[in-house]
Amino acid sequence: MIEFSNKMVKHIVVIYAVGVVGFSIPFTHGIFIKLTPLMLCFSFAILLYYDCDLRSERQLKRLLYYLFVFIAGFLVEMWGVNTGMLFGNYLYGGGLGPKIAGTPPIIGLNWVLMIYLTSAIFSQLKQNLLNGVIWPSLLMVGYDIIMEQVAPTMDMWSWKNDLIPLQNYLMWGILALFFHSLRYALNLRDRNQMALPLFLVQTLFFLLILLIN
């Protein structure tokens, strides 16, 4: 049974609700765009605090794995945004903070968060290819489908001619499968009671911004 801190969930809901309102009001829209990197860091900090294996003997292997995800995710995005070969033709805005070669380093943290969240959601189930790789990867693609619709509104990134190519979702799926397959092969499990609530709140956050704007 999944248990989590009701008090913390309420805090998360309130903070993200304020974000929805902030992005929906023209006067505060620009301010909340600049706060987006802080929200990613806030989400990451919550997950660290509630991580069930933070002091386990296998922690070093997990840290090295997620360091790889961070670096690989950033480099793939850098390649993609500068060539258009992977995801399609897109450009990063100012919503994710400073950029290196047109790519904000914090996008690597976003890959870490997505892999961790979708992994932890299924960690309570029997670990096999379906629960350890396929379902988490599909969940990531579903999340991206929603997030892509509001990314320009939040000045995270935008697409050429405002058209999101199918190859973007295909590449997201391929990368999700790769990262989750590697995690599964390394026999790493992410157990976190806040993963499901945080994932649901973030998804609802993007849906509400999409509906309001």
Protein backbone atom coordinates (compact mmCIF):
# COMPACT_ATOMS: atom_id res chain seq x y z
CA MET A 1 0.00 0.00 0.00
CA ILE A 2 1.29 3.46 -0.93
CA GLU A 3 1.39 5.88 1.97
CA PHE A 4 2.37 9.51 1.89
CA SER A 5 2.36 12.63 3.99
CA ASN A 6 -1.02 14.31 3.64
CA LYS A 7 0.43 17.53 4.96
CA MET A 8 3.17 17.60 2.33
CA VAL A 9 0.71 16.74 -0.43
CA LYS A 10 -1.44 19.69 0.61
CA HIS A 11 1.61 21.97 0.50
CA ILE A 12 2.48 20.73 -3.00
CA VAL A 13 -1.08 21.24 -4.21
CA VAL A 14 -1.15 24.80 -2.85
CA ILE A 15 2.20 25.71 -4.40
CA TYR A 16 1.28 24.35 -7.82
CA ALA A 17 -2.18 25.96 -7.58
CA VAL A 18 -0.48 29.31 -7.01
CA GLY A 19 1.59 28.53 -10.10
CA VAL A 20 -1.53 27.96 -12.19
CA VAL A 21 -2.96 31.29 -11.07
CA GLY A 22 0.36 33.06 -11.60
CA PHE A 23 0.72 31.81 -15.16
CA SER A 24 -2.89 32.73 -15.92
CA ILE A 25 -2.63 36.40 -14.91
CA PRO A 26 -0.84 38.59 -17.48
CA PHE A 27 0.64 40.82 -14.78
CA THR A 28 2.40 37.92 -13.00
CA HIS A 29 2.99 35.65 -16.01
CA GLY A 30 6.56 36.83 -16.57
CA ILE A 31 7.45 36.42 -12.90
CA PHE A 32 6.28 32.81 -12.81
CA ILE A 33 8.18 32.00 -15.98
CA LYS A 34 11.36 32.91 -14.12
CA LEU A 35 10.29 30.74 -11.18
CA THR A 36 10.01 27.56 -13.30
CA PRO A 37 13.60 26.38 -12.62
CA LEU A 38 12.98 26.85 -8.90
CA MET A 39 9.88 24.66 -9.12
CA LEU A 40 11.91 21.89 -10.75
CA CYS A 41 14.48 22.15 -7.97
CA PHE A 42 11.70 22.21 -5.36
CA SER A 43 10.20 19.01 -6.78
CA PHE A 44 13.61 17.37 -6.82
CA ALA A 45 14.24 18.37 -3.19
CA ILE A 46 10.92 16.83 -2.11
CA LEU A 47 11.77 13.56 -3.79
CA LEU A 48 15.20 13.49 -2.18
CA TYR A 49 13.70 14.05 1.25
CA TYR A 50 11.19 11.20 0.85
CA ASP A 51 13.50 8.79 -0.96
CA CYS A 52 13.36 5.41 0.80
CA ASP A 53 16.83 4.29 -0.28
CA LEU A 54 18.87 7.46 0.14
CA ARG A 55 21.24 5.77 2.61
CA SER A 56 21.23 2.28 1.13
CA GLU A 57 24.38 0.40 0.18
CA ARG A 58 23.44 0.73 -3.50
CA GLN A 59 23.12 4.49 -3.31
CA LEU A 60 26.41 5.14 -5.13
CA LYS A 61 25.23 3.10 -8.12
CA ARG A 62 21.95 5.04 -8.19
CA LEU A 63 23.77 8.35 -7.96
CA LEU A 64 26.06 7.40 -10.86
CA TYR A 65 23.08 6.25 -12.90
CA TYR A 66 21.18 9.49 -12.41
CA LEU A 67 24.29 11.53 -13.06
CA PHE A 68 24.47 9.70 -16.39
CA VAL A 69 20.78 10.46 -17.05
CA PHE A 70 21.38 14.15 -16.27
CA ILE A 71 24.40 14.46 -18.57
CA ALA A 72 23.01 12.28 -21.35
CA GLY A 73 19.65 14.05 -21.25
CA PHE A 74 21.31 17.44 -21.50
CA LEU A 75 23.65 16.40 -24.33
CA VAL A 76 20.84 14.80 -26.32
CA GLU A 77 18.76 17.97 -25.96
CA MET A 78 21.75 20.09 -27.00
CA TRP A 79 22.23 17.94 -30.09
CA GLY A 80 18.52 18.02 -30.83
CA VAL A 81 17.99 21.75 -30.52
CA ASN A 82 21.07 22.59 -32.61
CA THR A 83 20.43 20.14 -35.43
CA GLY A 84 16.70 19.39 -35.46
CA MET A 85 17.62 15.77 -36.17
CA LEU A 86 16.20 14.13 -33.04
CA PHE A 87 13.06 15.85 -31.82
CA GLY A 88 12.38 18.21 -34.71
CA ASN A 89 12.92 21.96 -35.04
CA TYR A 90 12.51 23.75 -31.73
CA LEU A 91 14.14 26.48 -29.66
CA TYR A 92 14.42 26.96 -25.91
CA GLY A 93 12.99 30.13 -24.41
CA GLY A 94 13.93 31.75 -21.12
CA GLY A 95 11.63 29.68 -18.91
CA LEU A 96 14.25 27.10 -17.97
CA GLY A 97 17.00 29.54 -17.08
CA PRO A 98 20.52 30.10 -18.49
CA LYS A 99 21.57 28.18 -21.59
CA ILE A 100 24.73 26.56 -22.94
CA ALA A 101 24.78 26.27 -26.73
CA GLY A 102 21.08 27.12 -26.76
CA THR A 103 20.24 24.47 -24.15
CA PRO A 104 19.43 25.05 -20.46
CA PRO A 105 21.38 22.59 -18.26
CA ILE A 106 18.34 22.22 -16.01
CA ILE A 107 16.67 20.20 -18.78
CA GLY A 108 18.95 17.40 -17.61
CA LEU A 109 17.27 17.63 -14.21
CA ASN A 110 13.90 17.35 -15.90
CA TRP A 111 14.98 14.04 -17.44
CA VAL A 112 16.13 12.84 -14.02
CA LEU A 113 12.79 13.81 -12.47
CA MET A 114 10.76 12.10 -15.18
CA ILE A 115 12.75 8.85 -15.01
CA TYR A 116 12.67 8.86 -11.21
CA LEU A 117 8.97 9.67 -10.89
CA THR A 118 7.76 7.13 -13.44
CA SER A 119 10.09 4.50 -12.00
CA ALA A 120 8.96 5.06 -8.41
CA ILE A 121 5.26 4.98 -9.31
CA PHE A 122 5.59 1.34 -10.38
CA SER A 123 8.15 0.32 -7.74
CA GLN A 124 5.49 -1.26 -5.51
CA LEU A 125 4.57 -3.75 -8.24
CA LYS A 126 6.42 -6.92 -9.19
CA GLN A 127 9.52 -5.86 -11.07
CA ASN A 128 9.50 -7.20 -14.62
CA LEU A 129 9.88 -5.68 -18.08
CA LEU A 130 6.28 -4.51 -18.11
CA ASN A 131 6.32 -2.73 -14.75
CA GLY A 132 9.97 -1.75 -14.81
CA VAL A 133 10.34 -0.53 -18.39
CA ILE A 134 7.22 -0.48 -20.58
CA TRP A 135 4.64 1.19 -18.30
CA PRO A 136 7.07 3.86 -16.97
CA SER A 137 8.14 4.70 -20.53
CA LEU A 138 4.56 4.98 -21.78
CA LEU A 139 3.71 7.18 -18.80
CA MET A 140 6.58 9.50 -19.75
CA VAL A 141 5.29 9.81 -23.31
CA GLY A 142 1.79 10.56 -22.06
CA TYR A 143 3.18 13.22 -19.75
CA ASP A 144 5.17 14.77 -22.60
CA ILE A 145 2.09 14.92 -24.83
CA ILE A 146 0.43 17.14 -22.21
CA MET A 147 3.53 19.18 -21.34
CA GLU A 148 4.30 20.02 -24.99
CA GLN A 149 0.98 21.84 -25.31
CA VAL A 150 1.85 24.37 -22.61
CA ALA A 151 5.64 24.63 -23.03
CA PRO A 152 5.41 27.72 -25.30
CA THR A 153 3.01 29.42 -22.87
CA MET A 154 5.55 28.90 -20.10
CA ASP A 155 8.40 30.01 -22.41
CA MET A 156 10.18 26.69 -21.92
CA TRP A 157 10.54 25.91 -25.63
CA SER A 158 8.66 26.46 -28.88
CA TRP A 159 8.33 24.61 -32.18
CA LYS A 160 8.86 25.80 -35.73
CA ASN A 161 5.52 26.91 -37.17
CA ASP A 162 3.95 25.92 -33.81
CA LEU A 163 3.77 22.30 -35.02
CA ILE A 164 4.92 19.48 -32.73
CA PRO A 165 6.29 16.71 -34.96
CA LEU A 166 5.53 13.06 -34.33
CA GLN A 167 9.26 12.37 -34.16
CA ASN A 168 9.39 14.32 -30.88
CA TYR A 169 7.13 11.81 -29.17
CA LEU A 170 8.89 8.88 -30.84
CA MET A 171 12.26 10.13 -29.59
CA TRP A 172 10.86 10.70 -26.09
CA GLY A 173 9.64 7.11 -26.13
CA ILE A 174 12.97 5.77 -27.37
CA LEU A 175 14.93 7.68 -24.74
CA ALA A 176 12.50 6.68 -22.00
CA LEU A 177 12.86 3.03 -23.01
CA PHE A 178 16.64 3.35 -23.08
CA PHE A 179 16.94 5.00 -19.66
CA HIS A 180 14.41 2.68 -18.01
CA SER A 181 15.96 -0.40 -19.63
CA LEU A 182 19.37 0.61 -18.30
CA ARG A 183 17.92 1.19 -14.82
CA TYR A 184 16.17 -2.18 -14.97
CA ALA A 185 19.37 -3.94 -16.12
CA LEU A 186 21.26 -2.37 -13.22
CA ASN A 187 18.58 -3.68 -10.85
CA LEU A 188 17.86 -0.23 -9.44
CA ARG A 189 14.56 0.51 -7.75
CA ASP A 190 13.29 3.96 -6.78
CA ARG A 191 10.91 3.83 -3.83
CA ASN A 192 9.31 7.13 -2.89
CA GLN A 193 5.93 7.74 -1.26
CA MET A 194 5.65 11.20 -2.82
CA ALA A 195 6.29 10.13 -6.42
CA LEU A 196 2.66 9.43 -7.37
CA PRO A 197 1.16 12.53 -5.68
CA LEU A 198 3.82 14.80 -7.21
CA PHE A 199 3.40 13.30 -10.67
CA LEU A 200 -0.39 13.71 -10.52
CA VAL A 201 -0.14 17.29 -9.29
CA GLN A 202 2.35 18.22 -12.01
CA THR A 203 0.16 16.64 -14.69
CA LEU A 204 -2.91 18.47 -13.39
CA PHE A 205 -0.84 21.68 -13.29
CA PHE A 206 -0.11 21.47 -17.03
CA LEU A 207 -3.69 20.47 -17.86
CA LEU A 208 -5.12 23.45 -15.98
CA ILE A 209 -2.73 25.90 -17.65
CA LEU A 210 -3.70 24.39 -21.02
CA LEU A 211 -7.41 24.77 -20.30
CA ILE A 212 -7.16 28.29 -18.89
CA ASN A 213 -4.88 29.66 -21.57
